[in-house]
Amino acid sequence: MPTRVLTHAFHVDAVPDKVFDHLTTPENYIGLSPLVVAVRDVDRSEPRVIRYTAVERFRFLGVVTHDNPIRVALHTDGLAVHGEVRSPGGVRMAYRFDLSPDDSGTRVDDRLELSAPWFLVGYAAGQARKVQLARAGILAERLSAGSAATPG
């Protein structure tokens, strides 16, 4: 299957522990990923692993919607959050957020490795890139020192 790697580094005006806590709370992905509209079946029974189902909503031609449930396994290791997503249609995505102190905040290195059947890889990679770039702005806004309470 074809594979695409997408990377993006950005700054968040919050200490690494606060960013880590936000990224390890599945409910915070609602709106953090513009496609995720629901989170369910959260399982924290395994140390350093959080499993859940996220529901992504896709719109086609501005009229037709499709809710796509995806299984997510989120792993933690130090100040890294990583895992994999398995989506219907053979789409697989490994993701990793590496957090490091950066002046008064946190540098986030966001890496996605996506594989999909040849006829889906372009569309899936395009959607993943839009989400990746939007997530950077949303996370920075949610956790900035002057922002109101954060979701979750």
Protein backbone atom coordinates (compact mmCIF):
# COMPACT_ATOMS: atom_id res chain seq x y z
CA MET A 1 0.00 0.00 0.00
CA PRO A 2 1.23 3.52 -0.71
CA THR A 3 2.44 5.50 2.31
CA ARG A 4 2.64 9.24 3.00
CA VAL A 5 4.53 10.91 5.87
CA LEU A 6 3.31 14.31 7.09
CA THR A 7 5.23 16.38 9.65
CA HIS A 8 4.53 19.69 11.36
CA ALA A 9 6.26 21.42 14.30
CA PHE A 10 4.61 24.21 16.28
CA HIS A 11 4.70 26.05 19.61
CA VAL A 12 2.07 25.98 22.36
CA ASP A 13 2.12 28.60 25.12
CA ALA A 14 1.71 26.03 27.92
CA VAL A 15 4.12 23.79 29.83
CA PRO A 16 4.72 20.29 28.40
CA ASP A 17 2.81 18.55 31.22
CA LYS A 18 -0.33 20.57 30.43
CA VAL A 19 -0.06 19.77 26.71
CA PHE A 20 0.56 16.09 27.52
CA ASP A 21 -2.52 15.94 29.79
CA HIS A 22 -4.65 17.50 27.06
CA LEU A 23 -3.41 15.08 24.40
CA THR A 24 -3.98 12.04 26.61
CA THR A 25 -7.65 12.84 27.27
CA PRO A 26 -9.64 11.28 24.39
CA GLU A 27 -12.62 13.60 24.83
CA ASN A 28 -10.34 16.56 24.02
CA TYR A 29 -10.01 15.28 20.45
CA ILE A 30 -13.59 16.38 19.79
CA GLY A 31 -12.96 19.60 17.92
CA LEU A 32 -9.17 19.25 18.25
CA SER A 33 -9.46 17.18 15.13
CA PRO A 34 -12.04 19.05 13.05
CA LEU A 35 -13.42 15.72 11.80
CA VAL A 36 -13.98 14.12 15.24
CA VAL A 37 -17.53 14.66 16.50
CA ALA A 38 -17.72 12.00 19.23
CA VAL A 39 -15.59 9.76 21.44
CA ARG A 40 -16.88 6.58 23.07
CA ASP A 41 -15.79 3.32 24.68
CA VAL A 42 -12.74 4.79 26.46
CA ASP A 43 -10.62 2.01 27.99
CA ARG A 44 -7.77 2.89 30.39
CA SER A 45 -7.28 -0.64 31.76
CA GLU A 46 -3.74 -1.05 30.37
CA PRO A 47 -0.87 1.06 31.80
CA ARG A 48 0.27 3.87 29.47
CA VAL A 49 -2.35 2.89 26.84
CA ILE A 50 -5.73 4.48 26.22
CA ARG A 51 -8.06 2.82 23.72
CA TYR A 52 -11.21 4.42 22.41
CA THR A 53 -13.47 4.84 19.41
CA ALA A 54 -13.56 8.23 17.73
CA VAL A 55 -16.30 9.13 15.27
CA GLU A 56 -15.16 11.19 12.30
CA ARG A 57 -17.78 13.00 10.23
CA PHE A 58 -17.09 13.51 6.55
CA ARG A 59 -19.15 15.74 4.27
CA PHE A 60 -19.33 15.08 0.56
CA LEU A 61 -20.56 17.73 -1.84
CA GLY A 62 -21.67 19.75 1.20
CA VAL A 63 -24.81 17.64 1.56
CA VAL A 64 -24.05 13.98 2.20
CA THR A 65 -22.47 13.07 5.54
CA HIS A 66 -20.76 9.88 6.57
CA ASP A 67 -19.89 9.03 10.18
CA ASN A 68 -16.74 6.92 10.25
CA PRO A 69 -15.97 5.14 13.56
CA ILE A 70 -12.26 4.56 14.02
CA ARG A 71 -10.48 2.54 16.66
CA VAL A 72 -7.69 4.45 18.36
CA ALA A 73 -4.89 3.17 20.59
CA LEU A 74 -3.02 6.01 22.27
CA HIS A 75 0.32 5.16 23.93
CA THR A 76 2.44 7.32 26.21
CA ASP A 77 6.18 7.26 26.69
CA GLY A 78 7.76 10.11 28.64
CA LEU A 79 6.53 13.29 26.97
CA ALA A 80 5.54 11.47 23.78
CA VAL A 81 2.04 10.50 22.76
CA HIS A 82 1.81 8.03 19.91
CA GLY A 83 -0.35 5.36 18.45
CA GLU A 84 -2.21 4.07 15.50
CA VAL A 85 -5.60 4.48 13.94
CA ARG A 86 -7.37 1.83 11.91
CA SER A 87 -10.15 3.07 9.72
CA PRO A 88 -12.52 1.24 7.38
CA GLY A 89 -11.36 0.99 3.79
CA GLY A 90 -7.86 -0.15 4.71
CA VAL A 91 -6.68 3.27 5.87
CA ARG A 92 -4.02 3.05 8.59
CA MET A 93 -2.30 5.94 10.30
CA ALA A 94 0.48 5.97 12.86
CA TYR A 95 0.84 9.27 14.71
CA ARG A 96 3.30 10.72 17.17
CA PHE A 97 3.42 13.93 19.18
CA ASP A 98 6.84 14.60 20.71
CA LEU A 99 6.70 17.35 23.33
CA SER A 100 9.71 19.33 24.50
CA PRO A 101 10.18 22.50 26.58
CA ASP A 102 10.44 25.59 24.35
CA ASP A 103 11.02 28.95 26.05
CA SER A 104 7.93 29.44 28.22
CA GLY A 105 5.92 26.75 26.49
CA THR A 106 6.13 23.55 24.48
CA ARG A 107 7.39 22.58 21.06
CA VAL A 108 5.14 19.94 19.51
CA ASP A 109 6.56 17.78 16.74
CA ASP A 110 3.55 16.19 15.03
CA ARG A 111 4.25 13.25 12.69
CA LEU A 112 1.71 11.20 10.75
CA GLU A 113 2.47 8.14 8.66
CA LEU A 114 -0.53 7.17 6.58
CA SER A 115 -1.03 4.15 4.36
CA ALA A 116 -4.09 3.39 2.27
CA PRO A 117 -5.09 1.65 -0.94
CA TRP A 118 -3.84 3.55 -4.01
CA PHE A 119 -7.31 4.92 -4.82
CA LEU A 120 -7.74 6.41 -1.31
CA VAL A 121 -4.23 7.53 -0.32
CA GLY A 122 -4.42 10.98 -1.94
CA TYR A 123 -7.79 11.83 -0.40
CA ALA A 124 -6.85 10.38 3.01
CA ALA A 125 -3.48 12.22 3.06
CA GLY A 126 -5.17 15.49 2.08
CA GLN A 127 -7.71 15.16 4.89
CA ALA A 128 -4.99 14.17 7.38
CA ARG A 129 -2.88 17.22 6.44
CA LYS A 130 -5.84 19.59 6.89
CA VAL A 131 -6.50 18.08 10.32
CA GLN A 132 -2.82 18.23 11.27
CA LEU A 133 -2.52 21.93 10.47
CA ALA A 134 -5.85 22.83 12.07
CA ARG A 135 -4.96 20.84 15.20
CA ALA A 136 -1.85 22.98 15.74
CA GLY A 137 -3.89 26.19 15.84
CA ILE A 138 -6.70 24.72 17.92
CA LEU A 139 -4.32 23.21 20.49
CA ALA A 140 -2.35 26.45 20.78
CA GLU A 141 -5.58 28.43 21.24
CA ARG A 142 -7.05 26.01 23.80
CA LEU A 143 -3.92 25.96 25.96
CA SER A 144 -2.69 29.53 25.67
CA ALA A 145 -2.15 31.24 29.02
CA GLY A 146 -4.92 33.77 28.45
CA SER A 147 -7.59 31.38 27.16
CA ALA A 148 -10.75 30.39 29.00
CA ALA A 149 -11.27 26.91 30.40
CA THR A 150 -10.39 24.10 28.04
CA PRO A 151 -12.78 21.31 27.04
CA GLY A 152 -12.54 17.89 28.59
